[in-house]
N, C-alpha and C. Protein backbone atom coordinates (compact mmCIF):
# COMPACT_ATOMS: atom_id res chain seq x y z
N MET A 1 53.55 23.96 -8.19
CA MET A 1 53.06 22.45 -8.65
C MET A 1 54.15 21.47 -7.93
N VAL A 2 54.39 20.93 -7.12
CA VAL A 2 55.28 20.45 -6.47
C VAL A 2 55.22 19.03 -6.58
N VAL A 3 55.17 18.23 -7.74
CA VAL A 3 55.12 17.03 -7.93
C VAL A 3 56.39 16.79 -8.65
N ASP A 4 57.42 16.32 -7.65
CA ASP A 4 58.81 16.65 -7.75
C ASP A 4 59.68 16.04 -7.26
N PRO A 5 60.11 14.44 -7.64
CA PRO A 5 61.07 13.87 -7.03
C PRO A 5 62.16 13.97 -7.58
N GLY A 6 62.21 14.85 -8.56
CA GLY A 6 63.95 15.36 -9.27
C GLY A 6 64.39 16.74 -8.29
N VAL A 7 63.50 17.18 -7.36
CA VAL A 7 63.92 18.41 -6.62
C VAL A 7 65.89 18.33 -6.13
N GLY A 8 66.19 19.31 -6.59
CA GLY A 8 67.72 19.28 -6.03
C GLY A 8 68.58 18.76 -7.13
N GLY A 9 68.17 18.51 -8.42
CA GLY A 9 68.90 17.43 -9.64
C GLY A 9 68.92 18.45 -10.70
N ARG A 10 68.91 17.65 -12.35
CA ARG A 10 68.96 18.59 -13.23
C ARG A 10 67.81 19.35 -13.14
N ARG A 11 66.79 18.68 -13.15
CA ARG A 11 65.29 19.18 -13.65
C ARG A 11 65.17 20.77 -13.86
N ARG A 12 64.60 21.69 -14.24
CA ARG A 12 64.89 23.59 -14.32
C ARG A 12 63.33 23.42 -13.96
N PRO A 13 63.36 24.75 -12.89
CA PRO A 13 62.35 25.10 -12.32
C PRO A 13 61.71 26.43 -13.23
N LEU A 14 59.95 25.72 -13.47
CA LEU A 14 59.41 26.67 -14.71
C LEU A 14 58.53 27.78 -13.67
N LEU A 15 58.11 28.67 -14.58
CA LEU A 15 57.17 29.48 -14.53
C LEU A 15 56.24 29.66 -16.02
N VAL A 16 54.65 29.08 -15.67
CA VAL A 16 54.20 28.87 -17.06
C VAL A 16 52.76 29.79 -17.36
N ILE A 17 52.71 31.11 -18.30
CA ILE A 17 51.79 31.90 -18.27
C ILE A 17 50.83 31.78 -19.31
N ASN A 18 49.70 31.70 -19.18
CA ASN A 18 48.79 31.67 -19.99
C ASN A 18 47.32 31.99 -20.13
N ARG A 19 46.92 32.23 -20.67
CA ARG A 19 45.05 32.80 -20.36
C ARG A 19 44.47 32.20 -19.11
N GLN A 20 45.05 31.30 -18.77
CA GLN A 20 44.28 30.50 -17.87
C GLN A 20 45.11 31.14 -15.81
N GLY A 21 46.31 31.28 -16.07
CA GLY A 21 46.61 31.64 -15.20
C GLY A 21 48.46 31.44 -15.02
N CYS A 22 49.26 31.71 -13.98
CA CYS A 22 50.57 31.53 -14.05
C CYS A 22 50.34 30.08 -13.29
N PHE A 23 51.46 28.66 -13.54
CA PHE A 23 51.59 27.41 -13.11
C PHE A 23 53.21 28.09 -12.84
N LEU A 24 53.58 27.43 -11.52
CA LEU A 24 54.99 27.23 -11.26
C LEU A 24 55.31 25.78 -11.42
N ALA A 25 56.03 25.11 -11.42
CA ALA A 25 56.25 23.83 -11.33
C ALA A 25 57.65 23.36 -12.00
N PRO A 26 57.99 21.98 -11.43
CA PRO A 26 59.62 22.09 -12.00
C PRO A 26 59.41 21.32 -13.37
N ASP A 27 59.88 21.16 -14.06
CA ASP A 27 60.19 20.58 -15.71
C ASP A 27 60.61 19.26 -15.75
N ASN A 28 59.54 18.68 -15.31
CA ASN A 28 59.29 16.94 -15.50
C ASN A 28 58.23 16.15 -16.23
N GLY A 29 57.48 17.40 -16.69
CA GLY A 29 56.32 16.70 -17.64
C GLY A 29 54.94 16.98 -16.82
N VAL A 30 55.06 17.20 -15.84
CA VAL A 30 53.68 17.80 -14.91
C VAL A 30 52.64 18.43 -15.59
N LEU A 31 53.09 19.39 -16.15
CA LEU A 31 52.78 20.47 -17.11
C LEU A 31 52.16 20.29 -18.79
N SER A 32 52.16 18.55 -19.06
CA SER A 32 51.64 18.63 -20.17
C SER A 32 50.33 18.70 -20.88
N TYR A 33 49.61 18.51 -19.96
CA TYR A 33 48.37 18.58 -20.33
C TYR A 33 48.22 20.61 -20.42
N ILE A 34 48.59 21.10 -19.75
CA ILE A 34 48.47 22.51 -20.06
C ILE A 34 49.21 23.24 -21.36
N TYR A 35 50.09 22.89 -21.81
CA TYR A 35 51.26 22.61 -22.83
C TYR A 35 50.61 22.37 -23.82
N HIS A 36 49.61 20.95 -24.14
CA HIS A 36 48.79 20.62 -24.89
C HIS A 36 47.62 21.93 -24.89
N ASP A 37 46.82 21.88 -24.08
CA ASP A 37 45.54 22.56 -24.30
C ASP A 37 45.45 24.02 -24.28
N LEU A 38 46.94 24.59 -24.04
CA LEU A 38 47.05 25.90 -24.14
C LEU A 38 48.33 26.34 -24.93
N PRO A 39 48.52 25.81 -26.18
CA PRO A 39 49.77 25.60 -26.86
C PRO A 39 50.59 27.02 -27.11
N ASN A 40 50.20 28.48 -26.71
CA ASN A 40 50.51 29.24 -26.82
C ASN A 40 51.01 30.05 -25.62
N SER A 41 50.91 28.82 -24.71
CA SER A 41 51.89 29.71 -23.34
C SER A 41 52.89 29.92 -23.19
N GLN A 42 53.36 31.10 -22.59
CA GLN A 42 54.93 31.32 -22.01
C GLN A 42 55.22 30.92 -21.41
N ILE A 43 56.62 30.38 -21.26
CA ILE A 43 57.42 29.10 -20.23
C ILE A 43 58.91 30.20 -20.04
N TYR A 44 58.95 30.37 -18.83
CA TYR A 44 59.93 31.16 -18.54
C TYR A 44 60.68 30.03 -17.54
N LEU A 45 61.80 29.97 -17.48
CA LEU A 45 63.31 29.20 -16.80
C LEU A 45 63.57 30.31 -15.52
N LEU A 46 63.44 29.77 -14.24
CA LEU A 46 63.59 30.63 -13.39
C LEU A 46 64.80 30.45 -12.95
N THR A 47 65.46 31.38 -13.13
CA THR A 47 67.21 31.77 -13.30
C THR A 47 67.68 33.06 -12.05
N ALA A 48 66.49 33.73 -12.00
CA ALA A 48 67.22 35.10 -11.34
C ALA A 48 66.94 34.52 -9.33
N GLU A 49 68.06 34.30 -8.48
CA GLU A 49 68.50 33.81 -7.07
C GLU A 49 67.63 34.69 -6.38
N LYS A 50 67.58 35.95 -7.07
CA LYS A 50 67.22 37.25 -6.03
C LYS A 50 65.46 37.34 -5.40
N TYR A 51 65.03 36.25 -6.45
CA TYR A 51 63.52 35.83 -5.83
C TYR A 51 63.09 34.72 -5.36
N ARG A 52 64.25 34.27 -4.53
CA ARG A 52 63.97 32.51 -3.84
C ARG A 52 64.19 33.24 -2.50
N LEU A 53 63.66 32.78 -2.10
CA LEU A 53 64.72 32.53 -0.10
C LEU A 53 65.60 32.62 0.12
N LYS A 54 66.47 33.83 0.65
CA LYS A 54 68.19 34.10 0.86
C LYS A 54 68.54 32.26 1.76
N THR A 55 67.94 31.89 1.98
CA THR A 55 68.04 30.34 2.98
C THR A 55 67.88 29.89 2.62
N TYR A 56 68.29 29.26 1.02
CA TYR A 56 67.69 27.91 -0.34
C TYR A 56 68.01 26.80 -0.18
N SER A 57 67.04 26.18 -0.17
CA SER A 57 67.71 24.64 0.50
C SER A 57 66.99 23.92 -1.12
N SER A 58 68.48 23.02 -1.59
CA SER A 58 68.19 22.24 -2.71
C SER A 58 67.35 20.89 -2.46
N THR A 59 66.68 20.88 -1.30
CA THR A 59 65.34 19.74 -1.70
C THR A 59 63.77 20.58 -1.41
N PHE A 60 63.82 22.02 -1.52
CA PHE A 60 62.41 22.44 -1.44
C PHE A 60 62.25 23.23 -1.86
N ASP A 61 62.01 22.99 -3.48
CA ASP A 61 61.88 24.12 -3.92
C ASP A 61 60.07 24.94 -4.05
N GLY A 62 59.32 24.05 -3.42
CA GLY A 62 58.40 24.77 -2.78
C GLY A 62 57.69 25.44 -2.33
N ARG A 63 58.80 25.57 -1.35
CA ARG A 63 58.98 26.41 -0.03
C ARG A 63 59.70 27.73 -0.71
N ASP A 64 60.96 27.34 -1.24
CA ASP A 64 62.49 28.20 -1.41
C ASP A 64 62.27 29.05 -2.68
N LEU A 65 61.37 28.33 -3.72
CA LEU A 65 61.71 28.94 -4.59
C LEU A 65 59.79 29.22 -5.29
N PHE A 66 59.34 28.14 -5.21
CA PHE A 66 58.33 28.06 -5.96
C PHE A 66 57.21 29.48 -5.38
N ALA A 67 57.05 29.72 -3.83
CA ALA A 67 56.19 30.19 -2.77
C ALA A 67 56.59 31.49 -3.00
N PRO A 68 58.18 31.67 -3.18
CA PRO A 68 58.36 33.36 -3.02
C PRO A 68 58.28 33.70 -4.84
N VAL A 69 58.15 33.18 -5.59
CA VAL A 69 58.08 33.53 -6.78
C VAL A 69 56.76 33.68 -6.88
N ALA A 70 55.51 33.02 -6.35
CA ALA A 70 54.53 33.46 -6.77
C ALA A 70 53.92 34.65 -6.15
N ALA A 71 54.65 34.95 -4.61
CA ALA A 71 54.61 36.22 -4.34
C ALA A 71 54.78 37.56 -4.71
N TRP A 72 55.48 37.14 -5.54
CA TRP A 72 56.32 38.47 -6.78
C TRP A 72 55.32 38.62 -7.62
N LEU A 73 55.35 37.27 -8.21
CA LEU A 73 53.91 37.45 -8.75
C LEU A 73 52.38 37.81 -8.66
N SER A 74 52.45 37.83 -7.17
CA SER A 74 51.28 39.02 -6.71
C SER A 74 51.72 40.66 -6.77
N LYS A 75 52.56 40.78 -6.94
CA LYS A 75 52.99 42.10 -7.11
C LYS A 75 53.34 42.70 -7.93
N GLU A 76 52.68 41.95 -9.75
CA GLU A 76 53.02 42.33 -10.82
C GLU A 76 54.31 42.31 -10.94
N ILE A 77 54.96 41.47 -10.82
CA ILE A 77 56.79 41.45 -11.52
C ILE A 77 56.75 41.29 -12.56
N ALA A 78 57.34 42.09 -13.62
CA ALA A 78 57.21 41.34 -14.69
C ALA A 78 57.62 39.82 -14.80
N PRO A 79 57.28 38.69 -15.39
CA PRO A 79 58.26 37.49 -15.81
C PRO A 79 59.04 37.52 -16.22
N SER A 80 59.79 38.70 -17.21
CA SER A 80 61.33 38.64 -17.99
C SER A 80 62.25 39.13 -16.56
N LYS A 81 61.96 39.41 -15.69
CA LYS A 81 62.57 39.40 -14.27
C LYS A 81 63.11 38.36 -13.92
N LEU A 82 62.18 37.26 -13.68
CA LEU A 82 62.19 36.05 -13.11
C LEU A 82 63.41 35.27 -13.50
N GLY A 83 63.63 35.02 -15.24
CA GLY A 83 64.31 34.14 -16.22
C GLY A 83 64.09 34.45 -17.37
N LYS A 84 64.26 33.46 -17.94
CA LYS A 84 64.28 33.79 -19.54
C LYS A 84 63.34 33.02 -19.66
N LYS A 85 63.03 33.16 -21.02
CA LYS A 85 62.00 31.95 -22.22
C LYS A 85 62.33 30.85 -22.75
N ILE A 86 61.93 30.35 -22.90
CA ILE A 86 62.10 28.50 -22.83
C ILE A 86 61.12 28.01 -24.41
N THR A 87 61.50 27.69 -24.73
CA THR A 87 60.67 26.74 -25.50
C THR A 87 61.00 25.16 -25.67
N ASP A 88 61.48 24.60 -24.79
CA ASP A 88 61.73 22.86 -24.86
C ASP A 88 61.50 22.33 -23.44
N PRO A 89 60.60 22.87 -22.70
CA PRO A 89 59.74 22.07 -21.72
C PRO A 89 59.61 20.65 -21.77
N VAL A 90 60.03 20.03 -20.72
CA VAL A 90 59.90 18.45 -21.00
C VAL A 90 58.01 17.95 -20.94
N SER A 91 57.96 17.01 -21.85
CA SER A 91 56.53 16.85 -21.95
C SER A 91 55.97 15.37 -22.49
N PHE A 92 54.81 15.02 -22.01
CA PHE A 92 54.82 13.77 -22.44
C PHE A 92 53.34 13.61 -23.48
N PRO A 93 53.36 13.05 -24.58
CA PRO A 93 52.09 13.14 -25.26
C PRO A 93 51.44 12.40 -24.40
N VAL A 94 49.95 13.80 -25.38
CA VAL A 94 49.07 13.75 -24.35
C VAL A 94 47.76 13.47 -25.80
N SER A 95 47.21 12.34 -25.54
CA SER A 95 46.20 11.28 -26.16
C SER A 95 44.84 12.31 -26.92
N ASP A 96 44.06 12.85 -27.33
CA ASP A 96 43.14 13.22 -27.55
C ASP A 96 41.72 12.19 -28.19
N PRO A 97 40.80 12.20 -28.03
CA PRO A 97 39.89 11.29 -28.89
C PRO A 97 39.88 11.21 -29.83
N LYS A 98 39.17 10.45 -30.85
CA LYS A 98 39.72 10.35 -32.08
C LYS A 98 38.12 9.56 -32.83
N PRO A 99 37.58 10.45 -33.53
CA PRO A 99 36.07 10.34 -34.58
C PRO A 99 37.25 8.88 -35.14
N GLN A 100 35.57 7.77 -35.24
CA GLN A 100 36.53 6.69 -36.02
C GLN A 100 35.38 6.85 -36.98
N SER A 101 35.68 5.55 -38.22
CA SER A 101 35.09 5.40 -39.44
C SER A 101 33.49 5.35 -39.08
N ASP A 102 32.91 4.77 -38.22
CA ASP A 102 31.46 4.56 -38.00
C ASP A 102 30.62 5.65 -37.05
N GLY A 103 31.62 6.61 -37.42
CA GLY A 103 30.64 7.96 -36.54
C GLY A 103 30.94 8.38 -34.81
N SER A 104 30.99 6.78 -34.09
CA SER A 104 31.31 7.17 -33.65
C SER A 104 33.04 7.70 -32.44
N LEU A 105 33.00 8.09 -31.35
CA LEU A 105 34.06 8.48 -30.89
C LEU A 105 34.84 7.58 -29.72
N GLY A 106 36.04 7.47 -30.17
CA GLY A 106 37.12 5.93 -29.27
C GLY A 106 38.22 7.30 -28.96
N GLY A 107 38.09 6.82 -27.16
CA GLY A 107 38.82 6.98 -26.30
C GLY A 107 39.59 6.26 -25.63
N ARG A 108 39.94 7.07 -24.43
CA ARG A 108 40.71 5.51 -23.14
C ARG A 108 40.58 5.82 -21.93
N VAL A 109 40.73 5.44 -20.74
CA VAL A 109 40.69 5.80 -19.88
C VAL A 109 41.92 6.47 -19.46
N ILE A 110 42.43 7.78 -19.03
CA ILE A 110 43.53 8.06 -18.79
C ILE A 110 44.01 8.33 -16.80
N TYR A 111 42.67 8.25 -16.10
CA TYR A 111 42.85 8.14 -14.64
C TYR A 111 42.26 6.93 -13.55
N ILE A 112 42.62 6.75 -12.76
CA ILE A 112 41.84 5.92 -12.14
C ILE A 112 41.86 6.63 -10.91
N ASP A 113 40.88 7.25 -9.98
CA ASP A 113 40.71 7.90 -9.35
C ASP A 113 40.72 7.16 -7.85
N ARG A 114 40.80 7.43 -6.70
CA ARG A 114 40.94 6.54 -5.05
C ARG A 114 39.73 5.59 -4.99
N PHE A 115 38.60 6.05 -5.77
CA PHE A 115 37.44 5.63 -5.74
C PHE A 115 37.33 4.70 -6.60
N GLY A 116 38.08 4.40 -7.66
CA GLY A 116 37.82 3.70 -8.53
C GLY A 116 36.90 3.69 -9.87
N ASN A 117 36.83 5.33 -9.57
CA ASN A 117 36.39 5.89 -10.65
C ASN A 117 37.28 6.09 -12.29
N LEU A 118 36.74 5.59 -13.04
CA LEU A 118 37.29 5.97 -14.82
C LEU A 118 37.16 7.15 -15.20
N ILE A 119 38.20 8.06 -15.28
CA ILE A 119 38.41 9.34 -15.48
C ILE A 119 38.56 9.24 -17.00
N THR A 120 38.35 9.64 -18.48
CA THR A 120 38.21 9.40 -19.61
C THR A 120 39.24 11.05 -20.12
N ASN A 121 39.88 10.55 -21.24
CA ASN A 121 40.17 11.75 -21.75
C ASN A 121 39.34 12.34 -22.88
N ILE A 122 37.75 11.81 -22.81
CA ILE A 122 36.77 12.56 -23.55
C ILE A 122 35.80 13.74 -22.57
N THR A 123 35.99 15.00 -22.94
CA THR A 123 35.64 16.15 -22.41
C THR A 123 33.99 16.81 -23.27
N ARG A 124 33.43 17.09 -22.27
CA ARG A 124 32.20 17.74 -22.39
C ARG A 124 31.93 18.63 -23.78
N LYS A 125 33.22 18.91 -24.15
CA LYS A 125 33.63 19.69 -25.28
C LYS A 125 33.05 18.24 -26.58
N ASP A 126 34.38 17.62 -26.66
CA ASP A 126 33.95 16.38 -27.59
C ASP A 126 32.43 15.54 -27.48
N LEU A 127 31.58 15.61 -26.73
CA LEU A 127 30.72 15.09 -26.76
C LEU A 127 29.34 16.09 -27.12
N GLU A 128 29.63 17.27 -27.42
CA GLU A 128 28.82 18.66 -27.16
C GLU A 128 27.74 18.05 -28.56
N PRO A 129 28.60 17.30 -29.75
CA PRO A 129 27.48 17.46 -30.90
C PRO A 129 26.40 16.13 -30.48
N TRP A 130 26.90 15.23 -29.72
CA TRP A 130 25.46 14.08 -29.49
C TRP A 130 24.38 15.20 -27.93
N ILE A 131 25.07 15.81 -26.72
CA ILE A 131 24.17 16.65 -25.88
C ILE A 131 23.24 17.30 -26.47
N SER A 132 23.98 18.36 -27.46
CA SER A 132 23.38 19.63 -28.50
C SER A 132 21.88 19.14 -28.73
N ASP A 133 21.93 17.71 -29.63
CA ASP A 133 20.61 17.12 -30.58
C ASP A 133 20.15 16.10 -29.32
N GLY A 134 20.65 16.32 -28.13
CA GLY A 134 19.46 15.58 -26.90
C GLY A 134 19.54 13.99 -27.62
N LYS A 135 20.53 13.75 -28.04
CA LYS A 135 20.65 11.76 -28.59
C LYS A 135 21.43 11.34 -26.84
N THR A 136 21.05 10.36 -27.26
CA THR A 136 21.37 9.24 -26.13
C THR A 136 22.59 9.01 -26.37
N LEU A 137 23.82 8.76 -25.45
CA LEU A 137 24.96 8.48 -25.32
C LEU A 137 24.71 7.61 -25.04
N VAL A 138 25.42 6.42 -26.27
CA VAL A 138 25.79 4.62 -25.59
C VAL A 138 27.34 4.96 -25.77
N ILE A 139 27.63 4.57 -24.10
CA ILE A 139 29.14 4.21 -23.67
C ILE A 139 29.30 2.58 -23.96
N THR A 140 30.69 2.49 -24.29
CA THR A 140 31.26 0.60 -24.13
C THR A 140 32.28 1.20 -23.73
N ILE A 141 32.63 0.19 -22.77
CA ILE A 141 33.82 -0.30 -22.08
C ILE A 141 33.70 -1.53 -21.62
N LYS A 142 34.87 -1.82 -22.33
CA LYS A 142 35.42 -3.88 -21.76
C LYS A 142 34.04 -4.51 -21.52
N GLY A 143 33.13 -4.56 -23.44
CA GLY A 143 32.17 -5.23 -23.16
C GLY A 143 30.99 -4.95 -22.35
N LYS A 144 31.43 -3.62 -22.00
CA LYS A 144 29.65 -3.52 -20.89
C LYS A 144 29.06 -2.04 -21.55
N THR A 145 27.84 -1.85 -21.65
CA THR A 145 27.53 -0.52 -22.24
C THR A 145 26.63 0.44 -21.17
N ILE A 146 26.99 1.31 -21.13
CA ILE A 146 26.22 2.40 -20.39
C ILE A 146 25.22 3.43 -21.19
N ARG A 147 23.93 3.17 -21.11
CA ARG A 147 23.01 4.10 -22.20
C ARG A 147 22.56 5.62 -21.22
N GLY A 148 23.23 6.65 -21.79
CA GLY A 148 23.07 8.10 -21.22
C GLY A 148 23.81 8.27 -20.26
N LEU A 149 23.75 9.65 -19.53
CA LEU A 149 24.82 10.50 -18.91
C LEU A 149 24.10 10.42 -17.46
N LYS A 150 24.49 10.48 -16.35
CA LYS A 150 24.03 10.30 -15.09
C LYS A 150 24.29 12.15 -14.66
N LEU A 151 23.67 12.74 -13.92
CA LEU A 151 23.97 14.43 -13.71
C LEU A 151 24.71 14.09 -12.31
N PHE A 152 24.32 13.44 -11.66
CA PHE A 152 25.20 12.86 -10.21
C PHE A 152 25.30 12.03 -9.95
N TYR A 153 26.32 11.51 -9.12
CA TYR A 153 26.39 9.86 -8.87
C TYR A 153 25.20 9.17 -8.28
N SER A 154 24.72 9.79 -7.23
CA SER A 154 23.77 9.10 -6.89
C SER A 154 21.84 9.16 -7.74
N GLU A 155 22.18 9.24 -9.00
CA GLU A 155 21.17 9.20 -9.64
C GLU A 155 20.97 8.16 -10.42
N ALA A 156 22.44 7.48 -9.89
CA ALA A 156 22.55 5.80 -10.61
C ALA A 156 22.36 4.89 -9.29
N ALA A 157 21.31 4.18 -9.89
CA ALA A 157 21.15 2.48 -8.91
C ALA A 157 22.51 2.20 -8.63
N PRO A 158 22.42 1.70 -6.87
CA PRO A 158 23.46 0.93 -6.66
C PRO A 158 24.09 -0.34 -6.85
N GLY A 159 25.32 0.02 -7.46
CA GLY A 159 25.85 -1.46 -8.25
C GLY A 159 25.63 -1.16 -9.94
N GLU A 160 24.95 -0.14 -10.22
CA GLU A 160 24.68 0.55 -11.40
C GLU A 160 26.07 1.04 -12.58
N LEU A 161 26.54 0.35 -13.48
CA LEU A 161 27.91 0.75 -14.32
C LEU A 161 27.10 1.98 -14.58
N ALA A 162 27.95 3.42 -14.74
CA ALA A 162 26.56 4.64 -15.00
C ALA A 162 28.07 5.67 -15.54
N ALA A 163 27.73 6.98 -16.11
CA ALA A 163 28.83 8.05 -16.57
C ALA A 163 28.09 8.86 -16.16
N VAL A 164 28.98 10.28 -15.74
CA VAL A 164 29.03 11.41 -15.65
C VAL A 164 30.06 11.86 -16.36
N ILE A 165 29.39 13.60 -16.37
CA ILE A 165 30.41 14.37 -16.80
C ILE A 165 31.00 15.30 -15.71
N ASN A 166 32.24 14.73 -15.16
CA ASN A 166 32.77 15.51 -13.92
C ASN A 166 33.36 16.62 -14.18
N SER A 167 33.52 17.27 -12.44
CA SER A 167 33.44 18.54 -12.32
C SER A 167 34.47 18.54 -13.58
N ASP A 168 35.49 18.18 -13.72
CA ASP A 168 36.84 18.55 -14.80
C ASP A 168 36.38 19.15 -16.00
N ASP A 169 34.92 18.43 -16.01
CA ASP A 169 34.33 18.50 -17.91
C ASP A 169 35.11 17.39 -18.63
N HIS A 170 35.63 16.10 -17.74
CA HIS A 170 35.88 14.74 -18.38
C HIS A 170 34.46 13.94 -18.22
N LEU A 171 34.13 12.68 -19.64
CA LEU A 171 33.42 11.76 -19.38
C LEU A 171 33.92 11.06 -18.11
N GLU A 172 33.33 10.25 -16.87
CA GLU A 172 34.23 9.88 -16.13
C GLU A 172 32.68 8.52 -15.54
N ILE A 173 33.12 7.17 -15.74
CA ILE A 173 32.82 6.45 -16.01
C ILE A 173 32.42 5.39 -13.69
N PHE A 174 31.50 5.27 -13.87
CA PHE A 174 31.73 4.74 -11.83
C PHE A 174 30.51 3.86 -11.73
N CYS A 175 30.69 3.46 -10.58
CA CYS A 175 29.71 2.41 -10.36
C CYS A 175 28.91 2.64 -8.68
N ASP A 176 27.92 3.60 -8.50
CA ASP A 176 27.25 3.38 -7.55
C ASP A 176 27.78 2.31 -6.29
N GLN A 177 28.21 2.96 -5.08
CA GLN A 177 28.94 2.42 -4.53
C GLN A 177 29.34 1.07 -4.37
N GLN A 178 30.64 1.22 -5.58
CA GLN A 178 30.97 0.22 -5.85
C GLN A 178 32.24 1.08 -6.20
N ASP A 179 33.52 0.26 -6.71
CA ASP A 179 34.54 0.35 -7.34
C ASP A 179 34.38 0.25 -9.12
N ALA A 180 34.35 0.98 -9.42
CA ALA A 180 34.32 0.61 -11.08
C ALA A 180 35.42 -0.46 -11.64
N ARG A 181 36.65 0.19 -11.18
CA ARG A 181 37.72 -0.46 -12.25
C ARG A 181 37.58 -1.77 -11.51
N SER A 182 37.47 -2.44 -10.01
CA SER A 182 37.35 -3.64 -10.11
C SER A 182 35.97 -4.18 -10.84
N PHE A 183 35.00 -3.75 -10.80
CA PHE A 183 33.58 -3.80 -11.48
C PHE A 183 33.82 -4.78 -12.99
N ILE A 184 34.47 -4.13 -13.69
CA ILE A 184 34.74 -4.23 -14.95
C ILE A 184 36.29 -4.39 -14.71
N ASP A 185 37.05 -4.84 -13.78
CA ASP A 185 38.70 -5.23 -14.40
C ASP A 185 39.09 -4.22 -15.43
N ALA A 186 39.22 -2.86 -15.40
CA ALA A 186 39.75 -2.18 -16.11
C ALA A 186 41.03 -1.24 -15.73
N ALA A 187 41.90 -0.71 -16.41
CA ALA A 187 42.81 -0.25 -16.31
C ALA A 187 43.34 1.21 -17.07
N PRO A 188 44.15 1.24 -16.28
CA PRO A 188 44.57 3.03 -17.33
C PRO A 188 44.51 2.70 -19.02
N ASP A 189 44.32 3.17 -19.65
CA ASP A 189 44.81 3.24 -21.26
C ASP A 189 43.57 2.15 -21.78
N GLU A 190 42.08 1.83 -20.84
CA GLU A 190 41.40 1.01 -21.53
C GLU A 190 40.48 1.40 -22.42
N PRO A 191 40.43 1.74 -23.70
CA PRO A 191 39.57 2.08 -24.58
C PRO A 191 37.85 2.19 -24.27
N VAL A 192 37.73 3.27 -24.39
CA VAL A 192 36.09 3.61 -24.53
C VAL A 192 35.57 4.17 -25.74
N ILE A 193 34.57 3.77 -25.92
CA ILE A 193 33.58 3.91 -27.40
C ILE A 193 32.77 4.68 -26.89
N VAL A 194 32.45 5.76 -27.63
CA VAL A 194 30.87 6.54 -27.25
C VAL A 194 30.48 6.69 -28.77
N GLN A 195 29.08 6.47 -28.98
CA GLN A 195 27.76 6.39 -29.82
C GLN A 195 26.78 6.94 -29.70
């Protein structure tokens, strides 16, 4: 992963290994959700110069460091040869949905995609108690109420505010053929309640 405005600076290059795979990325918080979801990840600081390109540029770690290390990993090199383990990666706080005293679940919008869809921090796993009982979910955001989940986007009527479990298993609020963000004037961190 190369979301890396600090390339060439003081930020550290990392290899993170867990049951989902290997992640190569700068130590700038970009892997915060990985650390949150898989807290037993092994984290290595990439220090072994022998495994980067010989013509190393301080402005292109994606090409000169991360890609060569990925190639070495595909040859099953031991991660310990690439660097030393660390336990203090840069990470930002990740908030989980919280059960409310009335039995509802309180979440929030964590991301708005380029189509204006509102992606929440509520996952399929969080909704499992309702889904497995066959109950109809009632989702509230910005004073608007959504009843139930759609299986896919076009199941909603044009202009209808609706919800779906997206391909990342997150509750997503959308407005068919419109921008949900503009439709309800929503922003990141917007509260979402599920009953």
